Amino acid sequence: VYLQMNGLKPEDTAVYYCAAATGYNN
């Protein structure tokens, strides 16, 4: 999974986490 981030701003500063939810309906 990718996250392309353009036009970054100082307020985008953070720790970024990947997450997964099991199942088709989540």
PDB file of all heavy atoms in Angstrom:
ATOM      1  N   VAL A   1       0.872  -1.177   0.000  1.00  0.00           N
ATOM      2  CA  VAL A   1       0.000   0.000   0.000  1.00  0.00           C
ATOM      3  C   VAL A   1       0.902   1.217   0.000  1.00  0.00           C
ATOM      4  O   VAL A   1       1.921   1.233   0.699  1.00  0.00           O
ATOM      5  CB  VAL A   1      -0.918   0.034   1.237  1.00  0.00           C
ATOM      6  CG1 VAL A   1      -1.840   1.241   1.174  1.00  0.00           C
ATOM      7  CG2 VAL A   1      -1.718  -1.238   1.334  1.00  0.00           C
ATOM      8  N   TYR A   2       0.517   2.215  -0.781  1.00  0.00           N
ATOM      9  CA  TYR A   2       1.349   3.397  -0.929  1.00  0.00           C
ATOM     10  C   TYR A   2       0.558   4.649  -0.552  1.00  0.00           C
ATOM     11  O   TYR A   2      -0.663   4.696  -0.698  1.00  0.00           O
ATOM     12  CB  TYR A   2       1.835   3.530  -2.375  1.00  0.00           C
ATOM     13  CG  TYR A   2       2.550   2.308  -2.882  1.00  0.00           C
ATOM     14  CD1 TYR A   2       1.889   1.373  -3.673  1.00  0.00           C
ATOM     15  CD2 TYR A   2       3.888   2.083  -2.573  1.00  0.00           C
ATOM     16  CE1 TYR A   2       2.538   0.241  -4.137  1.00  0.00           C
ATOM     17  CE2 TYR A   2       4.548   0.959  -3.039  1.00  0.00           C
ATOM     18  CZ  TYR A   2       3.869   0.046  -3.810  1.00  0.00           C
ATOM     19  OH  TYR A   2       4.515  -1.086  -4.270  1.00  0.00           O
ATOM     20  N   LEU A   3       1.275   5.645  -0.098  1.00  0.00           N
ATOM     21  CA  LEU A   3       0.689   6.967   0.122  1.00  0.00           C
ATOM     22  C   LEU A   3       1.615   7.988  -0.525  1.00  0.00           C
ATOM     23  O   LEU A   3       2.701   8.240  -0.015  1.00  0.00           O
ATOM     24  CB  LEU A   3       0.515   7.262   1.607  1.00  0.00           C
ATOM     25  CG  LEU A   3      -0.215   8.568   1.918  1.00  0.00           C
ATOM     26  CD1 LEU A   3      -1.681   8.478   1.484  1.00  0.00           C
ATOM     27  CD2 LEU A   3      -0.128   8.909   3.405  1.00  0.00           C
ATOM     28  N   GLN A   4       1.182   8.514  -1.659  1.00  0.00           N
ATOM     29  CA  GLN A   4       1.929   9.561  -2.337  1.00  0.00           C
ATOM     30  C   GLN A   4       1.511  10.893  -1.738  1.00  0.00           C
ATOM     31  O   GLN A   4       0.324  11.231  -1.757  1.00  0.00           O
ATOM     32  CB  GLN A   4       1.646   9.544  -3.833  1.00  0.00           C
ATOM     33  CG  GLN A   4       2.358  10.632  -4.613  1.00  0.00           C
ATOM     34  CD  GLN A   4       3.861  10.465  -4.607  1.00  0.00           C
ATOM     35  OE1 GLN A   4       4.374   9.380  -4.793  1.00  0.00           O
ATOM     36  NE2 GLN A   4       4.578  11.577  -4.394  1.00  0.00           N
ATOM     37  N   MET A   5       2.479  11.620  -1.214  1.00  0.00           N
ATOM     38  CA  MET A   5       2.193  12.885  -0.546  1.00  0.00           C
ATOM     39  C   MET A   5       2.896  14.013  -1.286  1.00  0.00           C
ATOM     40  O   MET A   5       4.124  14.043  -1.346  1.00  0.00           O
ATOM     41  CB  MET A   5       2.670  12.829   0.912  1.00  0.00           C
ATOM     42  CG  MET A   5       2.100  11.650   1.683  1.00  0.00           C
ATOM     43  SD  MET A   5       2.512  11.690   3.441  1.00  0.00           S
ATOM     44  CE  MET A   5       4.290  11.516   3.368  1.00  0.00           C
ATOM     45  N   ASN A   6       2.105  14.904  -1.858  1.00  0.00           N
ATOM     46  CA  ASN A   6       2.618  16.056  -2.579  1.00  0.00           C
ATOM     47  C   ASN A   6       2.206  17.337  -1.870  1.00  0.00           C
ATOM     48  O   ASN A   6       1.262  17.334  -1.073  1.00  0.00           O
ATOM     49  CB  ASN A   6       2.078  16.072  -4.008  1.00  0.00           C
ATOM     50  CG  ASN A   6       2.470  14.840  -4.799  1.00  0.00           C
ATOM     51  OD1 ASN A   6       3.564  14.298  -4.636  1.00  0.00           O
ATOM     52  ND2 ASN A   6       1.582  14.393  -5.674  1.00  0.00           N
ATOM     53  N   GLY A   7       2.907  18.402  -2.162  1.00  0.00           N
ATOM     54  CA  GLY A   7       2.560  19.678  -1.553  1.00  0.00           C
ATOM     55  C   GLY A   7       2.568  19.633  -0.038  1.00  0.00           C
ATOM     56  O   GLY A   7       1.682  20.180   0.618  1.00  0.00           O
ATOM     57  N   LEU A   8       3.576  18.987   0.517  1.00  0.00           N
ATOM     58  CA  LEU A   8       3.609  18.790   1.969  1.00  0.00           C
ATOM     59  C   LEU A   8       3.693  20.114   2.706  1.00  0.00           C
ATOM     60  O   LEU A   8       4.332  21.071   2.248  1.00  0.00           O
ATOM     61  CB  LEU A   8       4.773  17.886   2.344  1.00  0.00           C
ATOM     62  CG  LEU A   8       4.514  16.398   2.076  1.00  0.00           C
ATOM     63  CD1 LEU A   8       5.814  15.616   2.017  1.00  0.00           C
ATOM     64  CD2 LEU A   8       3.578  15.831   3.128  1.00  0.00           C
ATOM     65  N   LYS A   9       3.035  20.131   3.857  1.00  0.00           N
ATOM     66  CA  LYS A   9       2.978  21.307   4.711  1.00  0.00           C
ATOM     67  C   LYS A   9       3.544  20.956   6.089  1.00  0.00           C
ATOM     68  O   LYS A   9       3.512  19.786   6.493  1.00  0.00           O
ATOM     69  CB  LYS A   9       1.529  21.774   4.870  1.00  0.00           C
ATOM     70  CG  LYS A   9       0.818  22.067   3.561  1.00  0.00           C
ATOM     71  CD  LYS A   9      -0.639  22.414   3.813  1.00  0.00           C
ATOM     72  CE  LYS A   9      -1.373  22.706   2.506  1.00  0.00           C
ATOM     73  NZ  LYS A   9      -2.797  23.045   2.743  1.00  0.00           N
ATOM     74  N   PRO A  10       4.023  21.936   6.819  1.00  0.00           N
ATOM     75  CA  PRO A  10       4.539  21.638   8.170  1.00  0.00           C
ATOM     76  C   PRO A  10       3.519  20.912   9.041  1.00  0.00           C
ATOM     77  O   PRO A  10       3.890  20.068   9.862  1.00  0.00           O
ATOM     78  CB  PRO A  10       4.881  23.018   8.722  1.00  0.00           C
ATOM     79  CG  PRO A  10       5.234  23.820   7.512  1.00  0.00           C
ATOM     80  CD  PRO A  10       4.302  23.333   6.443  1.00  0.00           C
ATOM     81  N   GLU A  11       2.240  21.199   8.850  1.00  0.00           N
ATOM     82  CA  GLU A  11       1.206  20.535   9.648  1.00  0.00           C
ATOM     83  C   GLU A  11       1.007  19.070   9.280  1.00  0.00           C
ATOM     84  O   GLU A  11       0.245  18.365   9.948  1.00  0.00           O
ATOM     85  CB  GLU A  11      -0.127  21.281   9.562  1.00  0.00           C
ATOM     86  CG  GLU A  11      -0.593  21.568   8.156  1.00  0.00           C
ATOM     87  CD  GLU A  11      -0.227  22.977   7.694  1.00  0.00           C
ATOM     88  OE1 GLU A  11       0.916  23.418   7.965  1.00  0.00           O
ATOM     89  OE2 GLU A  11      -1.093  23.614   7.063  1.00  0.00           O
ATOM     90  N   ASP A  12       1.670  18.605   8.234  1.00  0.00           N
ATOM     91  CA  ASP A  12       1.646  17.177   7.906  1.00  0.00           C
ATOM     92  C   ASP A  12       2.679  16.397   8.706  1.00  0.00           C
ATOM     93  O   ASP A  12       2.714  15.161   8.632  1.00  0.00           O
ATOM     94  CB  ASP A  12       1.913  16.964   6.409  1.00  0.00           C
ATOM     95  CG  ASP A  12       0.821  17.531   5.532  1.00  0.00           C
ATOM     96  OD1 ASP A  12      -0.369  17.355   5.866  1.00  0.00           O
ATOM     97  OD2 ASP A  12       1.160  18.150   4.495  1.00  0.00           O
ATOM     98  N   THR A  13       3.502  17.084   9.466  1.00  0.00           N
ATOM     99  CA  THR A  13       4.507  16.416  10.287  1.00  0.00           C
ATOM    100  C   THR A  13       3.834  15.491  11.297  1.00  0.00           C
ATOM    101  O   THR A  13       2.971  15.915  12.065  1.00  0.00           O
ATOM    102  CB  THR A  13       5.371  17.449  11.025  1.00  0.00           C
ATOM    103  OG1 THR A  13       6.120  18.199  10.064  1.00  0.00           O
ATOM    104  CG2 THR A  13       6.316  16.774  12.000  1.00  0.00           C
ATOM    105  N   ALA A  14       4.227  14.217  11.268  1.00  0.00           N
ATOM    106  CA  ALA A  14       3.606  13.217  12.138  1.00  0.00           C
ATOM    107  C   ALA A  14       4.294  11.876  11.924  1.00  0.00           C
ATOM    108  O   ALA A  14       5.064  11.704  10.970  1.00  0.00           O
ATOM    109  CB  ALA A  14       2.115  13.082  11.827  1.00  0.00           C
ATOM    110  N   VAL A  15       3.977  10.944  12.797  1.00  0.00           N
ATOM    111  CA  VAL A  15       4.304   9.548  12.529  1.00  0.00           C
ATOM    112  C   VAL A  15       3.130   8.961  11.760  1.00  0.00           C
ATOM    113  O   VAL A  15       1.979   9.081  12.186  1.00  0.00           O
ATOM    114  CB  VAL A  15       4.538   8.773  13.834  1.00  0.00           C
ATOM    115  CG1 VAL A  15       4.816   7.297  13.521  1.00  0.00           C
ATOM    116  CG2 VAL A  15       5.695   9.372  14.623  1.00  0.00           C
ATOM    117  N   TYR A  16       3.429   8.347  10.635  1.00  0.00           N
ATOM    118  CA  TYR A  16       2.409   7.769   9.770  1.00  0.00           C
ATOM    119  C   TYR A  16       2.379   6.258   9.957  1.00  0.00           C
ATOM    120  O   TYR A  16       3.429   5.599   9.895  1.00  0.00           O
ATOM    121  CB  TYR A  16       2.683   8.125   8.316  1.00  0.00           C
ATOM    122  CG  TYR A  16       2.320   9.556   7.991  1.00  0.00           C
ATOM    123  CD1 TYR A  16       3.083  10.616   8.481  1.00  0.00           C
ATOM    124  CD2 TYR A  16       1.202   9.861   7.217  1.00  0.00           C
ATOM    125  CE1 TYR A  16       2.732  11.925   8.214  1.00  0.00           C
ATOM    126  CE2 TYR A  16       0.861  11.174   6.933  1.00  0.00           C
ATOM    127  CZ  TYR A  16       1.629  12.201   7.446  1.00  0.00           C
ATOM    128  OH  TYR A  16       1.278  13.498   7.175  1.00  0.00           O
ATOM    129  N   TYR A  17       1.168   5.736  10.163  1.00  0.00           N
ATOM    130  CA  TYR A  17       0.970   4.324  10.420  1.00  0.00           C
ATOM    131  C   TYR A  17       0.124   3.682   9.339  1.00  0.00           C
ATOM    132  O   TYR A  17      -0.889   4.247   8.916  1.00  0.00           O
ATOM    133  CB  TYR A  17       0.253   4.119  11.758  1.00  0.00           C
ATOM    134  CG  TYR A  17       0.997   4.630  12.964  1.00  0.00           C
ATOM    135  CD1 TYR A  17       0.796   5.924  13.424  1.00  0.00           C
ATOM    136  CD2 TYR A  17       1.891   3.804  13.650  1.00  0.00           C
ATOM    137  CE1 TYR A  17       1.479   6.398  14.531  1.00  0.00           C
ATOM    138  CE2 TYR A  17       2.566   4.268  14.763  1.00  0.00           C
ATOM    139  CZ  TYR A  17       2.352   5.568  15.206  1.00  0.00           C
ATOM    140  OH  TYR A  17       3.024   6.023  16.312  1.00  0.00           O
ATOM    141  N   CYS A  18       0.514   2.484   8.958  1.00  0.00           N
ATOM    142  CA  CYS A  18      -0.283   1.667   8.058  1.00  0.00           C
ATOM    143  C   CYS A  18      -1.213   0.799   8.901  1.00  0.00           C
ATOM    144  O   CYS A  18      -0.822   0.329   9.982  1.00  0.00           O
ATOM    145  CB  CYS A  18       0.661   0.797   7.229  1.00  0.00           C
ATOM    146  SG  CYS A  18      -0.133  -0.300   6.040  1.00  0.00           S
ATOM    147  N   ALA A  19      -2.431   0.572   8.416  1.00  0.00           N
ATOM    148  CA  ALA A  19      -3.410  -0.219   9.159  1.00  0.00           C
ATOM    149  C   ALA A  19      -4.203  -1.105   8.213  1.00  0.00           C
ATOM    150  O   ALA A  19      -4.417  -0.756   7.051  1.00  0.00           O
ATOM    151  CB  ALA A  19      -4.359   0.703   9.921  1.00  0.00           C
ATOM    152  N   ALA A  20      -4.644  -2.250   8.738  1.00  0.00           N
ATOM    153  CA  ALA A  20      -5.433  -3.190   7.948  1.00  0.00           C
ATOM    154  C   ALA A  20      -6.627  -3.669   8.761  1.00  0.00           C
ATOM    155  O   ALA A  20      -6.481  -4.005   9.937  1.00  0.00           O
ATOM    156  CB  ALA A  20      -4.580  -4.377   7.526  1.00  0.00           C
ATOM    157  N   ALA A  21      -7.778  -3.709   8.102  1.00  0.00           N
ATOM    158  CA  ALA A  21      -8.994  -4.229   8.719  1.00  0.00           C
ATOM    159  C   ALA A  21      -9.468  -5.430   7.923  1.00  0.00           C
ATOM    160  O   ALA A  21      -9.667  -5.340   6.709  1.00  0.00           O
ATOM    161  CB  ALA A  21     -10.079  -3.166   8.748  1.00  0.00           C
ATOM    162  N   THR A  22      -9.656  -6.540   8.605  1.00  0.00           N
ATOM    163  CA  THR A  22     -10.051  -7.786   7.949  1.00  0.00           C
ATOM    164  C   THR A  22     -11.510  -7.754   7.528  1.00  0.00           C
ATOM    165  O   THR A  22     -12.350  -7.211   8.240  1.00  0.00           O
ATOM    166  CB  THR A  22      -9.845  -8.964   8.908  1.00  0.00           C
ATOM    167  OG1 THR A  22      -8.496  -8.951   9.371  1.00  0.00           O
ATOM    168  CG2 THR A  22     -10.113 -10.287   8.207  1.00  0.00           C
ATOM    169  N   GLY A  23     -11.785  -8.331   6.365  1.00  0.00           N
ATOM    170  CA  GLY A  23     -13.175  -8.482   5.976  1.00  0.00           C
ATOM    171  C   GLY A  23     -13.600  -7.471   4.939  1.00  0.00           C
ATOM    172  O   GLY A  23     -13.079  -6.370   4.856  1.00  0.00           O
ATOM    173  N   TYR A  24     -14.602  -7.891   4.165  1.00  0.00           N
ATOM    174  CA  TYR A  24     -15.049  -7.064   3.054  1.00  0.00           C
ATOM    175  C   TYR A  24     -15.850  -5.843   3.492  1.00  0.00           C
ATOM    176  O   TYR A  24     -16.006  -4.898   2.728  1.00  0.00           O
ATOM    177  CB  TYR A  24     -15.927  -7.901   2.118  1.00  0.00           C
ATOM    178  CG  TYR A  24     -15.210  -9.080   1.522  1.00  0.00           C
ATOM    179  CD1 TYR A  24     -15.379 -10.363   2.033  1.00  0.00           C
ATOM    180  CD2 TYR A  24     -14.360  -8.910   0.434  1.00  0.00           C
ATOM    181  CE1 TYR A  24     -14.716 -11.437   1.477  1.00  0.00           C
ATOM    182  CE2 TYR A  24     -13.694  -9.981  -0.118  1.00  0.00           C
ATOM    183  CZ  TYR A  24     -13.880 -11.248   0.406  1.00  0.00           C
ATOM    184  OH  TYR A  24     -13.227 -12.319  -0.147  1.00  0.00           O
ATOM    185  N   ASN A  25     -16.362  -5.831   4.695  1.00  0.00           N
ATOM    186  CA  ASN A  25     -17.323  -4.806   5.096  1.00  0.00           C
ATOM    187  C   ASN A  25     -16.772  -3.799   6.104  1.00  0.00           C
ATOM    188  O   ASN A  25     -17.544  -3.077   6.725  1.00  0.00           O
ATOM    189  CB  ASN A  25     -18.562  -5.473   5.689  1.00  0.00           C
ATOM    190  CG  ASN A  25     -19.244  -6.395   4.694  1.00  0.00           C
ATOM    191  OD1 ASN A  25     -19.358  -6.049   3.521  1.00  0.00           O
ATOM    192  ND2 ASN A  25     -19.656  -7.554   5.144  1.00  0.00           N
ATOM    193  N   ASN A  26     -15.475  -3.740   6.253  1.00  0.00           N
ATOM    194  CA  ASN A  26     -14.907  -2.882   7.293  1.00  0.00           C
ATOM    195  C   ASN A  26     -14.282  -1.608   6.763  1.00  0.00           C
ATOM    196  O   ASN A  26     -13.475  -0.982   7.448  1.00  0.00           O
ATOM    197  CB  ASN A  26     -13.892  -3.668   8.109  1.00  0.00           C
ATOM    198  CG  ASN A  26     -14.576  -4.579   9.113  1.00  0.00           C
ATOM    199  OD1 ASN A  26     -15.627  -4.232   9.648  1.00  0.00           O
ATOM    200  ND2 ASN A  26     -13.991  -5.726   9.371  1.00  0.00           N
TER     201      ASN A  26
END
